[in-house]
C-alpha atoms as a PDB file:
ATOM      1  CA  MET A   1      13.595   4.132 -12.378  1.00  0.00           C
ATOM      2  CA  SER A   2      16.612   4.575 -10.482  1.00  0.00           C
ATOM      3  CA  VAL A   3      17.815   1.910  -7.097  1.00  0.00           C
ATOM      4  CA  HIS A   4      20.931   2.889  -5.437  1.00  0.00           C
ATOM      5  CA  SER A   5      23.099   1.955  -2.047  1.00  0.00           C
ATOM      6  CA  SER A   6      22.949   5.191   0.214  1.00  0.00           C
ATOM      7  CA  ASP A   7      25.893   6.109   1.921  1.00  0.00           C
ATOM      8  CA  VAL A   8      23.968   7.199   5.328  1.00  0.00           C
ATOM      9  CA  GLU A   9      24.525   5.044   8.417  1.00  0.00           C
ATOM     10  CA  GLY A  10      21.531   2.612   8.872  1.00  0.00           C
ATOM     11  CA  VAL A  11      20.154   3.167   4.792  1.00  0.00           C
ATOM     12  CA  ASP A  12      20.031  -0.108   3.088  1.00  0.00           C
ATOM     13  CA  LEU A  13      18.950   1.112  -0.078  1.00  0.00           C
ATOM     14  CA  VAL A  14      16.726   3.640  -2.258  1.00  0.00           C
ATOM     15  CA  ILE A  15      13.731   3.179  -4.630  1.00  0.00           C
ATOM     16  CA  LEU A  16      13.031   6.260  -6.585  1.00  0.00           C
ATOM     17  CA  PRO A  17       9.977   4.429  -8.788  1.00  0.00           C
ATOM     18  CA  SER A  18       8.961   5.594 -12.773  1.00  0.00           C
ATOM     19  CA  VAL A  19       5.884   8.036 -13.176  1.00  0.00           C
ATOM     20  CA  ARG A  20       3.574   5.734 -15.119  1.00  0.00           C
ATOM     21  CA  ASP A  21       0.144   6.785 -16.755  1.00  0.00           C
ATOM     22  CA  LEU A  22      -2.659   4.551 -16.944  1.00  0.00           C
ATOM     23  CA  GLY A  23      -4.911   7.283 -19.093  1.00  0.00           C
ATOM     24  CA  ASP A  24      -6.643  10.259 -18.349  1.00  0.00           C
ATOM     25  CA  GLY A  25      -3.795  11.908 -16.648  1.00  0.00           C
ATOM     26  CA  PHE A  26      -4.343   9.299 -13.809  1.00  0.00           C
ATOM     27  CA  LYS A  27      -0.339   8.505 -12.418  1.00  0.00           C
ATOM     28  CA  VAL A  28       0.867   5.986 -10.349  1.00  0.00           C
ATOM     29  CA  ARG A  29       3.915   5.301  -8.635  1.00  0.00           C
ATOM     30  CA  ARG A  30       5.093   1.927  -7.960  1.00  0.00           C
ATOM     31  CA  ALA A  31       8.085   1.494  -5.366  1.00  0.00           C
ATOM     32  CA  LEU A  32       7.594  -2.780  -5.164  1.00  0.00           C
ATOM     33  CA  PRO A  33       8.444  -4.495  -6.707  1.00  0.00           C
ATOM     34  CA  VAL A  34      11.621  -3.797  -8.400  1.00  0.00           C
ATOM     35  CA  ALA A  35      14.344  -6.617  -8.454  1.00  0.00           C
ATOM     36  CA  GLN A  36      17.055  -5.580  -6.587  1.00  0.00           C
ATOM     37  CA  ARG A  37      13.600  -5.458  -3.843  1.00  0.00           C
ATOM     38  CA  ARG A  38      10.817  -7.738  -4.146  1.00  0.00           C
ATOM     39  CA  MET A  39       9.330  -7.000  -0.716  1.00  0.00           C
ATOM     40  CA  VAL A  40       9.317  -5.172   2.762  1.00  0.00           C
ATOM     41  CA  GLY A  41       8.487  -7.002   5.002  1.00  0.00           C
ATOM     42  CA  PRO A  42       5.790  -9.111   4.284  1.00  0.00           C
ATOM     43  CA  PHE A  43       5.038  -6.437   1.896  1.00  0.00           C
ATOM     44  CA  ILE A  44       5.039  -6.988  -2.086  1.00  0.00           C
ATOM     45  CA  PHE A  45       3.321  -4.147  -3.968  1.00  0.00           C
ATOM     46  CA  PHE A  46       3.048  -0.702  -2.774  1.00  0.00           C
ATOM     47  CA  ASP A  47       1.693   2.101  -5.122  1.00  0.00           C
ATOM     48  CA  GLN A  48       1.175   5.983  -5.468  1.00  0.00           C
ATOM     49  CA  MET A  49      -2.243   6.947  -6.694  1.00  0.00           C
ATOM     50  CA  GLY A  50      -2.165   9.918  -8.268  1.00  0.00           C
ATOM     51  CA  GLU A  51      -2.524  13.383  -7.199  1.00  0.00           C
ATOM     52  CA  ALA A  52      -4.799  13.592  -9.854  1.00  0.00           C
ATOM     53  CA  VAL A  53      -7.528  15.837 -11.322  1.00  0.00           C
ATOM     54  CA  PHE A  54     -11.269  14.720 -12.842  1.00  0.00           C
ATOM     55  CA  LYS A  55     -12.737  17.554 -14.594  1.00  0.00           C
ATOM     56  CA  SER A  56     -16.469  17.169 -13.948  1.00  0.00           C
ATOM     57  CA  GLY A  57     -17.692  13.557 -16.012  1.00  0.00           C
ATOM     58  CA  GLU A  58     -14.247  12.320 -15.321  1.00  0.00           C
ATOM     59  CA  GLY A  59     -13.195   9.677 -12.196  1.00  0.00           C
ATOM     60  CA  LEU A  60     -11.597   6.400 -11.767  1.00  0.00           C
ATOM     61  CA  ASP A  61     -13.059   2.842 -13.137  1.00  0.00           C
ATOM     62  CA  VAL A  62     -10.848  -0.029 -12.497  1.00  0.00           C
ATOM     63  CA  ARG A  63     -13.350  -2.793 -14.148  1.00  0.00           C
ATOM     64  CA  PRO A  64     -13.617  -5.972 -11.959  1.00  0.00           C
ATOM     65  CA  HIS A  65      -9.924  -8.297 -11.127  1.00  0.00           C
ATOM     66  CA  PRO A  66      -9.234 -10.997  -9.713  1.00  0.00           C
ATOM     67  CA  HIS A  67      -6.660 -11.576  -6.872  1.00  0.00           C
ATOM     68  CA  ILE A  68      -5.758 -14.122  -4.582  1.00  0.00           C
ATOM     69  CA  GLY A  69      -2.977 -14.940  -1.610  1.00  0.00           C
ATOM     70  CA  LEU A  70      -2.441 -11.292  -0.248  1.00  0.00           C
ATOM     71  CA  SER A  71      -4.633  -8.598   1.694  1.00  0.00           C
ATOM     72  CA  THR A  72      -5.117  -5.773   0.071  1.00  0.00           C
ATOM     73  CA  LEU A  73      -4.374  -2.096   1.853  1.00  0.00           C
ATOM     74  CA  THR A  74      -6.136   1.300   0.521  1.00  0.00           C
ATOM     75  CA  TYR A  75      -5.554   4.377   2.026  1.00  0.00           C
ATOM     76  CA  LEU A  76      -6.060   7.409   0.665  1.00  0.00           C
ATOM     77  CA  ILE A  77      -5.097  11.035   1.525  1.00  0.00           C
ATOM     78  CA  GLU A  78      -7.101  12.852  -0.873  1.00  0.00           C
ATOM     79  CA  GLY A  79     -10.626  12.168  -3.065  1.00  0.00           C
ATOM     80  CA  GLU A  80     -12.962   9.233  -2.368  1.00  0.00           C
ATOM     81  CA  ILE A  81     -12.979   5.618  -3.916  1.00  0.00           C
ATOM     82  CA  LEU A  82     -15.977   3.571  -4.300  1.00  0.00           C
ATOM     83  CA  HIS A  83     -14.599   0.037  -3.636  1.00  0.00           C
ATOM     84  CA  ARG A  84     -17.165  -3.320  -4.996  1.00  0.00           C
ATOM     85  CA  ASP A  85     -16.262  -6.945  -4.227  1.00  0.00           C
ATOM     86  CA  SER A  86     -17.374 -10.440  -5.105  1.00  0.00           C
ATOM     87  CA  LEU A  87     -18.859 -10.674  -1.079  1.00  0.00           C
ATOM     88  CA  GLY A  88     -20.783  -8.140  -1.969  1.00  0.00           C
ATOM     89  CA  SER A  89     -19.204  -5.402   0.092  1.00  0.00           C
ATOM     90  CA  VAL A  90     -20.470  -2.187  -1.608  1.00  0.00           C
ATOM     91  CA  GLN A  91     -17.928   0.860   0.320  1.00  0.00           C
ATOM     92  CA  PRO A  92     -16.847   4.477  -0.628  1.00  0.00           C
ATOM     93  CA  ILE A  93     -13.165   4.997   1.139  1.00  0.00           C
ATOM     94  CA  LEU A  94     -12.601   8.540   2.348  1.00  0.00           C
ATOM     95  CA  PRO A  95      -9.157  10.049   4.035  1.00  0.00           C
ATOM     96  CA  GLY A  96      -7.640   8.601   6.315  1.00  0.00           C
ATOM     97  CA  GLU A  97     -10.200   6.058   6.299  1.00  0.00           C
ATOM     98  CA  VAL A  98      -8.786   2.162   5.378  1.00  0.00           C
ATOM     99  CA  ASN A  99      -9.898  -0.459   3.730  1.00  0.00           C
ATOM    100  CA  TRP A 100      -8.448  -4.194   4.180  1.00  0.00           C
ATOM    101  CA  MET A 101      -9.182  -6.739   1.409  1.00  0.00           C
ATOM    102  CA  THR A 102      -8.462 -10.091   2.274  1.00  0.00           C
ATOM    103  CA  ALA A 103      -8.248 -12.581  -0.675  1.00  0.00           C
ATOM    104  CA  GLY A 104      -6.639 -15.307   0.137  1.00  0.00           C
ATOM    105  CA  SER A 105      -8.181 -18.697  -2.214  1.00  0.00           C
ATOM    106  CA  GLY A 106     -10.103 -15.631  -4.363  1.00  0.00           C
ATOM    107  CA  ILE A 107     -11.834 -12.591  -4.777  1.00  0.00           C
ATOM    108  CA  VAL A 108     -12.945 -10.322  -7.309  1.00  0.00           C
ATOM    109  CA  HIS A 109     -13.480  -6.097  -7.061  1.00  0.00           C
ATOM    110  CA  SER A 110     -13.585  -3.004  -8.381  1.00  0.00           C
ATOM    111  CA  GLU A 111     -12.812   0.479  -7.889  1.00  0.00           C
ATOM    112  CA  ARG A 112     -14.361   3.941  -9.226  1.00  0.00           C
ATOM    113  CA  THR A 113     -15.321   6.631  -8.797  1.00  0.00           C
ATOM    114  CA  SER A 114     -19.039   7.451  -7.046  1.00  0.00           C
ATOM    115  CA  PRO A 115     -21.153   8.991 -10.085  1.00  0.00           C
ATOM    116  CA  GLU A 116     -21.921  12.045  -7.409  1.00  0.00           C
ATOM    117  CA  ASN A 117     -18.269  12.419  -7.394  1.00  0.00           C
ATOM    118  CA  ARG A 118     -17.865  12.624 -11.014  1.00  0.00           C
ATOM    119  CA  ALA A 119     -20.376  14.286 -12.073  1.00  0.00           C
ATOM    120  CA  ARG A 120     -18.600  17.217  -9.941  1.00  0.00           C
ATOM    121  CA  GLY A 121     -14.559  16.393 -10.619  1.00  0.00           C
ATOM    122  CA  GLY A 122     -11.901  16.728  -8.033  1.00  0.00           C
ATOM    123  CA  LYS A 123      -8.624  14.752  -6.720  1.00  0.00           C
ATOM    124  CA  LEU A 124      -7.856  11.758  -6.100  1.00  0.00           C
ATOM    125  CA  PHE A 125      -4.070  11.050  -3.933  1.00  0.00           C
ATOM    126  CA  GLY A 126      -3.187   7.481  -2.151  1.00  0.00           C
ATOM    127  CA  LEU A 127      -1.472   4.748  -1.466  1.00  0.00           C
ATOM    128  CA  GLN A 128      -2.211   1.019  -2.459  1.00  0.00           C
ATOM    129  CA  THR A 129      -0.238  -1.945  -0.586  1.00  0.00           C
ATOM    130  CA  TRP A 130      -0.406  -5.264  -1.560  1.00  0.00           C
ATOM    131  CA  VAL A 131       0.913  -7.643   1.940  1.00  0.00           C
ATOM    132  CA  ALA A 132       1.796 -11.605   1.219  1.00  0.00           C
ATOM    133  CA  LEU A 133      -0.177 -13.960   3.114  1.00  0.00           C
ATOM    134  CA  PRO A 134       1.932 -16.620   5.167  1.00  0.00           C
ATOM    135  CA  ARG A 135       1.554 -20.079   3.244  1.00  0.00           C
ATOM    136  CA  GLU A 136      -0.944 -21.361   5.898  1.00  0.00           C
ATOM    137  CA  HIS A 137      -3.876 -18.152   4.893  1.00  0.00           C
ATOM    138  CA  GLU A 138      -2.885 -18.113   1.785  1.00  0.00           C
ATOM    139  CA  GLU A 139      -5.615 -20.051   0.444  1.00  0.00           C
ATOM    140  CA  ILE A 140      -8.063 -18.701   3.134  1.00  0.00           C
ATOM    141  CA  GLY A 141     -11.673 -17.735   2.799  1.00  0.00           C
ATOM    142  CA  ALA A 142     -11.969 -14.203   1.436  1.00  0.00           C
ATOM    143  CA  SER A 143     -12.720 -10.990   3.244  1.00  0.00           C
ATOM    144  CA  PHE A 144     -13.256  -7.730   3.664  1.00  0.00           C
ATOM    145  CA  ALA A 145     -13.070  -4.875   6.504  1.00  0.00           C
ATOM    146  CA  HIS A 146     -14.027  -1.149   6.540  1.00  0.00           C
ATOM    147  CA  HIS A 147     -11.930   0.895   9.449  1.00  0.00           C
ATOM    148  CA  LYS A 148     -13.145   4.675   9.890  1.00  0.00           C
ATOM    149  CA  ALA A 149     -10.160   7.467  10.444  1.00  0.00           C
ATOM    150  CA  ASP A 150     -11.242   7.696  13.641  1.00  0.00           C
ATOM    151  CA  GLU A 151     -10.155   3.949  14.903  1.00  0.00           C
ATOM    152  CA  MET A 152      -6.793   3.849  14.120  1.00  0.00           C
ATOM    153  CA  PRO A 153      -4.236   4.225  17.110  1.00  0.00           C
ATOM    154  CA  VAL A 154      -2.269   8.258  17.149  1.00  0.00           C
ATOM    155  CA  SER A 155       0.148   9.447  18.651  1.00  0.00           C
ATOM    156  CA  GLU A 156       1.571  12.846  19.065  1.00  0.00           C
ATOM    157  CA  ASP A 157       4.817  14.840  20.115  1.00  0.00           C
ATOM    158  CA  ALA A 158       6.761  17.603  19.545  1.00  0.00           C
ATOM    159  CA  GLY A 159       5.548  17.949  15.596  1.00  0.00           C
ATOM    160  CA  THR A 160       4.933  14.670  14.640  1.00  0.00           C
ATOM    161  CA  ARG A 161       1.820  13.038  14.084  1.00  0.00           C
ATOM    162  CA  PHE A 162       1.835   9.254  14.091  1.00  0.00           C
ATOM    163  CA  THR A 163      -1.211   7.450  12.658  1.00  0.00           C
ATOM    164  CA  LEU A 164      -1.348   3.622  13.129  1.00  0.00           C
ATOM    165  CA  ILE A 165      -3.272   1.946   9.766  1.00  0.00           C
ATOM    166  CA  ALA A 166      -1.820  -1.953  10.459  1.00  0.00           C
ATOM    167  CA  GLY A 167       0.075  -4.023  12.920  1.00  0.00           C
ATOM    168  CA  THR A 168       1.777  -3.061  16.140  1.00  0.00           C
ATOM    169  CA  SER A 169       3.977  -0.114  16.652  1.00  0.00           C
ATOM    170  CA  ASP A 170       5.203   2.360  19.313  1.00  0.00           C
ATOM    171  CA  GLY A 171       3.247   0.299  21.979  1.00  0.00           C
ATOM    172  CA  MET A 172      -0.155   0.955  20.023  1.00  0.00           C
ATOM    173  CA  THR A 173      -1.895  -1.874  17.840  1.00  0.00           C
ATOM    174  CA  SER A 174      -4.196  -1.777  14.946  1.00  0.00           C
ATOM    175  CA  PRO A 175      -7.750  -2.928  14.291  1.00  0.00           C
ATOM    176  CA  LEU A 176      -6.999  -4.130  11.420  1.00  0.00           C
ATOM    177  CA  LYS A 177      -6.902  -8.265  11.678  1.00  0.00           C
ATOM    178  CA  THR A 178      -4.087  -9.111  10.446  1.00  0.00           C
ATOM    179  CA  TYR A 179      -1.860 -12.911   9.571  1.00  0.00           C
ATOM    180  CA  SER A 180       2.012 -11.951  10.303  1.00  0.00           C
ATOM    181  CA  ASP A 181       4.103  -9.493  12.147  1.00  0.00           C
ATOM    182  CA  MET A 182       3.737  -6.327  10.141  1.00  0.00           C
ATOM    183  CA  ILE A 183       3.349  -2.023  10.671  1.00  0.00           C
ATOM    184  CA  TYR A 184       1.971   0.469   8.559  1.00  0.00           C
ATOM    185  CA  ALA A 185       2.088   3.575   9.580  1.00  0.00           C
ATOM    186  CA  ASP A 186       1.092   7.835   7.723  1.00  0.00           C
ATOM    187  CA  ILE A 187       3.882   9.426   9.783  1.00  0.00           C
ATOM    188  CA  VAL A 188       2.767  13.909   9.190  1.00  0.00           C
ATOM    189  CA  MET A 189       5.751  15.819  10.216  1.00  0.00           C
ATOM    190  CA  LEU A 190       6.431  19.418  10.950  1.00  0.00           C
ATOM    191  CA  ASP A 191       9.321  20.967   9.490  1.00  0.00           C
ATOM    192  CA  GLY A 192      12.281  20.163  12.008  1.00  0.00           C
ATOM    193  CA  ALA A 193      10.010  17.337  13.956  1.00  0.00           C
ATOM    194  CA  ARG A 194      11.809  14.150  14.702  1.00  0.00           C
ATOM    195  CA  TYR A 195      10.636  10.330  14.906  1.00  0.00           C
ATOM    196  CA  GLN A 196      12.756   7.752  16.010  1.00  0.00           C
ATOM    197  CA  LEU A 197      12.475   4.318  14.156  1.00  0.00           C
ATOM    198  CA  LYS A 198      12.884   1.702  16.168  1.00  0.00           C
ATOM    199  CA  ALA A 199      14.109  -1.949  15.845  1.00  0.00           C
ATOM    200  CA  GLU A 200      10.630  -3.543  17.172  1.00  0.00           C
ATOM    201  CA  HIS A 201      10.680  -4.694  13.089  1.00  0.00           C
ATOM    202  CA  VAL A 202      13.418  -6.807  11.508  1.00  0.00           C
ATOM    203  CA  GLU A 203      12.487  -5.189   8.351  1.00  0.00           C
ATOM    204  CA  ARG A 204      11.255  -1.569   7.461  1.00  0.00           C
ATOM    205  CA  ALA A 205      11.450   1.421   5.005  1.00  0.00           C
ATOM    206  CA  VAL A 206       9.409   4.467   4.871  1.00  0.00           C
ATOM    207  CA  TYR A 207       7.783   6.286   1.238  1.00  0.00           C
ATOM    208  CA  VAL A 208       8.505   9.441   1.113  1.00  0.00           C
ATOM    209  CA  VAL A 209       4.987  11.408   0.287  1.00  0.00           C
ATOM    210  CA  SER A 210       5.808  14.929   0.791  1.00  0.00           C
ATOM    211  CA  GLY A 211       8.850  17.011   1.840  1.00  0.00           C
ATOM    212  CA  ALA A 212      11.686  15.523   2.813  1.00  0.00           C
ATOM    213  CA  VAL A 213      13.926  14.406   5.588  1.00  0.00           C
ATOM    214  CA  GLU A 214      16.866  13.081   6.681  1.00  0.00           C
ATOM    215  CA  VAL A 215      19.243  11.195   9.670  1.00  0.00           C
ATOM    216  CA  VAL A 216      20.225  13.686  12.109  1.00  0.00           C
ATOM    217  CA  GLY A 217      23.936  13.229  12.551  1.00  0.00           C
ATOM    218  CA  GLN A 218      24.123  12.129   8.735  1.00  0.00           C
ATOM    219  CA  ASN A 219      24.160  14.004   5.869  1.00  0.00           C
ATOM    220  CA  GLY A 220      22.101  13.340   2.715  1.00  0.00           C
ATOM    221  CA  THR A 221      17.750  14.317   2.275  1.00  0.00           C
ATOM    222  CA  PHE A 222      15.946  11.624   1.139  1.00  0.00           C
ATOM    223  CA  GLY A 223      12.627  13.216  -1.248  1.00  0.00           C
ATOM    224  CA  GLU A 224       9.295  12.983  -2.191  1.00  0.00           C
ATOM    225  CA  GLY A 225       8.920   9.944  -3.655  1.00  0.00           C
ATOM    226  CA  GLU A 226      11.513   8.013  -2.657  1.00  0.00           C
ATOM    227  CA  LEU A 227      11.586   4.571  -0.699  1.00  0.00           C
ATOM    228  CA  VAL A 228      13.740   4.255   2.072  1.00  0.00           C
ATOM    229  CA  VAL A 229      14.870   1.056   2.932  1.00  0.00           C
ATOM    230  CA  PHE A 230      16.739   0.526   6.383  1.00  0.00           C
ATOM    231  CA  GLN A 231      19.193  -1.878   7.885  1.00  0.00           C
ATOM    232  CA  PRO A 232      17.610  -4.731  10.140  1.00  0.00           C
ATOM    233  CA  GLY A 233      18.428  -3.338  13.650  1.00  0.00           C
ATOM    234  CA  ALA A 234      19.276  -0.403  12.782  1.00  0.00           C
ATOM    235  CA  GLU A 235      18.047   2.563  14.833  1.00  0.00           C
ATOM    236  CA  LEU A 236      18.450   6.226  13.056  1.00  0.00           C
ATOM    237  CA  VAL A 237      16.208   9.608  14.106  1.00  0.00           C
ATOM    238  CA  LEU A 238      14.235  10.676  11.227  1.00  0.00           C
ATOM    239  CA  ARG A 239      13.956  14.422  10.906  1.00  0.00           C
ATOM    240  CA  ALA A 240      11.437  16.369   8.305  1.00  0.00           C
ATOM    241  CA  LYS A 241      13.152  19.357   6.394  1.00  0.00           C
ATOM    242  CA  GLY A 242       9.545  21.372   5.824  1.00  0.00           C
ATOM    243  CA  HIS A 243       6.461  19.789   6.139  1.00  0.00           C
ATOM    244  CA  THR A 244       6.500  15.671   5.468  1.00  0.00           C
ATOM    245  CA  ARG A 245       4.850  13.946   5.566  1.00  0.00           C
ATOM    246  CA  LEU A 246       6.017   9.743   5.940  1.00  0.00           C
ATOM    247  CA  MET A 247       4.298   6.258   5.176  1.00  0.00           C
ATOM    248  CA  LEU A 248       6.455   3.844   7.114  1.00  0.00           C
ATOM    249  CA  LEU A 249       6.065  -0.254   6.721  1.00  0.00           C
ATOM    250  CA  GLY A 250       7.444  -3.263   7.609  1.00  0.00           C
ATOM    251  CA  GLY A 251       7.669  -6.195   9.554  1.00  0.00           C
ATOM    252  CA  GLU A 252       9.154 -10.145   9.469  1.00  0.00           C
ATOM    253  CA  PRO A 253       9.820 -11.244   6.357  1.00  0.00           C
ATOM    254  CA  LEU A 254       8.174 -14.180   5.291  1.00  0.00           C
ATOM    255  CA  PRO A 255      10.598 -18.074   4.949  1.00  0.00           C
ATOM    256  CA  GLU A 256       9.706 -18.811   1.796  1.00  0.00           C
ATOM    257  CA  GLN A 257       9.851 -16.817  -1.746  1.00  0.00           C
ATOM    258  CA  ARG A 258       6.285 -14.910  -3.256  1.00  0.00           C
ATOM    259  CA  HIS A 259       5.447 -15.186  -7.376  1.00  0.00           C
ATOM    260  CA  ILE A 260       3.476 -12.621  -8.705  1.00  0.00           C
ATOM    261  CA  PHE A 261       1.788 -12.300 -11.798  1.00  0.00           C
ATOM    262  CA  TRP A 262      -0.384  -9.704 -12.579  1.00  0.00           C
ATOM    263  CA  ASN A 263      -2.901  -9.504  -9.580  1.00  0.00           C
ATOM    264  CA  PHE A 264      -1.723 -12.598  -8.151  1.00  0.00           C
ATOM    265  CA  VAL A 265       0.799 -13.787  -5.477  1.00  0.00           C
ATOM    266  CA  SER A 266       1.578 -16.944  -3.915  1.00  0.00           C
ATOM    267  CA  SER A 267       4.556 -19.339  -2.774  1.00  0.00           C
ATOM    268  CA  SER A 268       3.428 -21.875  -5.103  1.00  0.00           C
ATOM    269  CA  LYS A 269       3.675 -21.255  -8.741  1.00  0.00           C
ATOM    270  CA  ASP A 270       1.845 -23.923  -9.675  1.00  0.00           C
ATOM    271  CA  ARG A 271      -1.352 -21.895  -7.632  1.00  0.00           C
ATOM    272  CA  LEU A 272      -0.419 -18.728 -10.002  1.00  0.00           C
ATOM    273  CA  GLU A 273      -0.646 -20.901 -13.221  1.00  0.00           C
ATOM    274  CA  GLN A 274      -4.282 -22.190 -11.224  1.00  0.00           C
ATOM    275  CA  ALA A 275      -5.864 -19.270 -11.183  1.00  0.00           C
ATOM    276  CA  LYS A 276      -5.030 -17.740 -14.390  1.00  0.00           C
ATOM    277  CA  ASP A 277      -6.968 -20.790 -15.664  1.00  0.00           C
ATOM    278  CA  ASP A 278      -9.729 -19.826 -12.986  1.00  0.00           C
ATOM    279  CA  TRP A 279      -9.564 -16.519 -14.538  1.00  0.00           C
ATOM    280  CA  LYS A 280      -9.706 -17.013 -18.160  1.00  0.00           C
ATOM    281  CA  ALA A 281     -12.799 -19.870 -17.201  1.00  0.00           C
ATOM    282  CA  GLN A 282     -14.611 -16.644 -15.308  1.00  0.00           C
ATOM    283  CA  ARG A 283     -14.638 -19.345 -11.985  1.00  0.00           C
ATOM    284  CA  PHE A 284     -13.593 -16.629  -9.495  1.00  0.00           C
ATOM    285  CA  PRO A 285     -16.742 -15.277  -8.275  1.00  0.00           C
ATOM    286  CA  ALA A 286     -19.016 -12.226 -10.472  1.00  0.00           C
ATOM    287  CA  VAL A 287     -19.131  -8.068  -8.677  1.00  0.00           C
ATOM    288  CA  PRO A 288     -22.368  -7.640  -8.277  1.00  0.00           C
ATOM    289  CA  GLY A 289     -23.571  -5.594 -11.100  1.00  0.00           C
ATOM    290  CA  GLU A 290     -20.252  -5.455 -12.457  1.00  0.00           C
ATOM    291  CA  PRO A 291     -20.631  -7.121 -16.036  1.00  0.00           C
ATOM    292  CA  ASP A 292     -17.365  -5.881 -17.596  1.00  0.00           C
ATOM    293  CA  PHE A 293     -14.643  -7.228 -16.703  1.00  0.00           C
ATOM    294  CA  ILE A 294     -10.388  -7.116 -16.556  1.00  0.00           C
ATOM    295  CA  PRO A 295      -9.251  -9.399 -19.012  1.00  0.00           C
ATOM    296  CA  LEU A 296      -5.944 -11.627 -17.882  1.00  0.00           C
ATOM    297  CA  PRO A 297      -3.482  -9.930 -19.467  1.00  0.00           C
ATOM    298  CA  ALA A 298      -0.492 -12.280 -21.960  1.00  0.00           C
END
């Protein structure tokens, strides 16, 4: 893990997450939260999953586990994940599609490789983020929505393809039902292509999935795996160095601090303690057909 300031005007912080191996060669990079930066807008968690290569018979097996106080957003670049949850949802997610699960007062889900994909093996590469809910919505009823790739608004200009996943930006609005001001977008750029970063949202960052990017008119390059956090109000033009993919995230910061324990997020520490007790006592709803679960960590 490396976190440092930058001499590039308009850039507040650069975070290079460490790589963690979760077993069977499945690696994740966690860019948020870090001690120096807990959130960007309502985003409180940012993971890059993979790139993993599974042999025949191997796959992802994230057993049922609970969430409160947040929405999870899963977005794949390669591969497939089979989502199951305590609402009874059973939904495979493919590249370019969006799984948007709002936990609210509580939900349980699993993430696995489907039997068909496990038999043949293959790659898995994607991103998972958590969006903290505003305090007035932290205890809403759980919900799940899936959106196909062709439902996402897209704009293309001079070698830059901008896909809006959640929130609003560049005159477009995503179909996801969100609860606060936010932006989450997939930006694919050819070598030398540009994207103008506007001050539409208070807090913004880009995560470099692949390639590299520079700020026009300034020295310095940001490379693969770096989360670049911008200063509020900064308006910059980003230019790709080589074929580049960025994830743009941010929004209005929430007025209250958020606390995290494991998979729980809340503005109240007492609510986290209640969630811990509820999971230990198995008071959360079960995922149909999934008898196993991840125990509460010590």
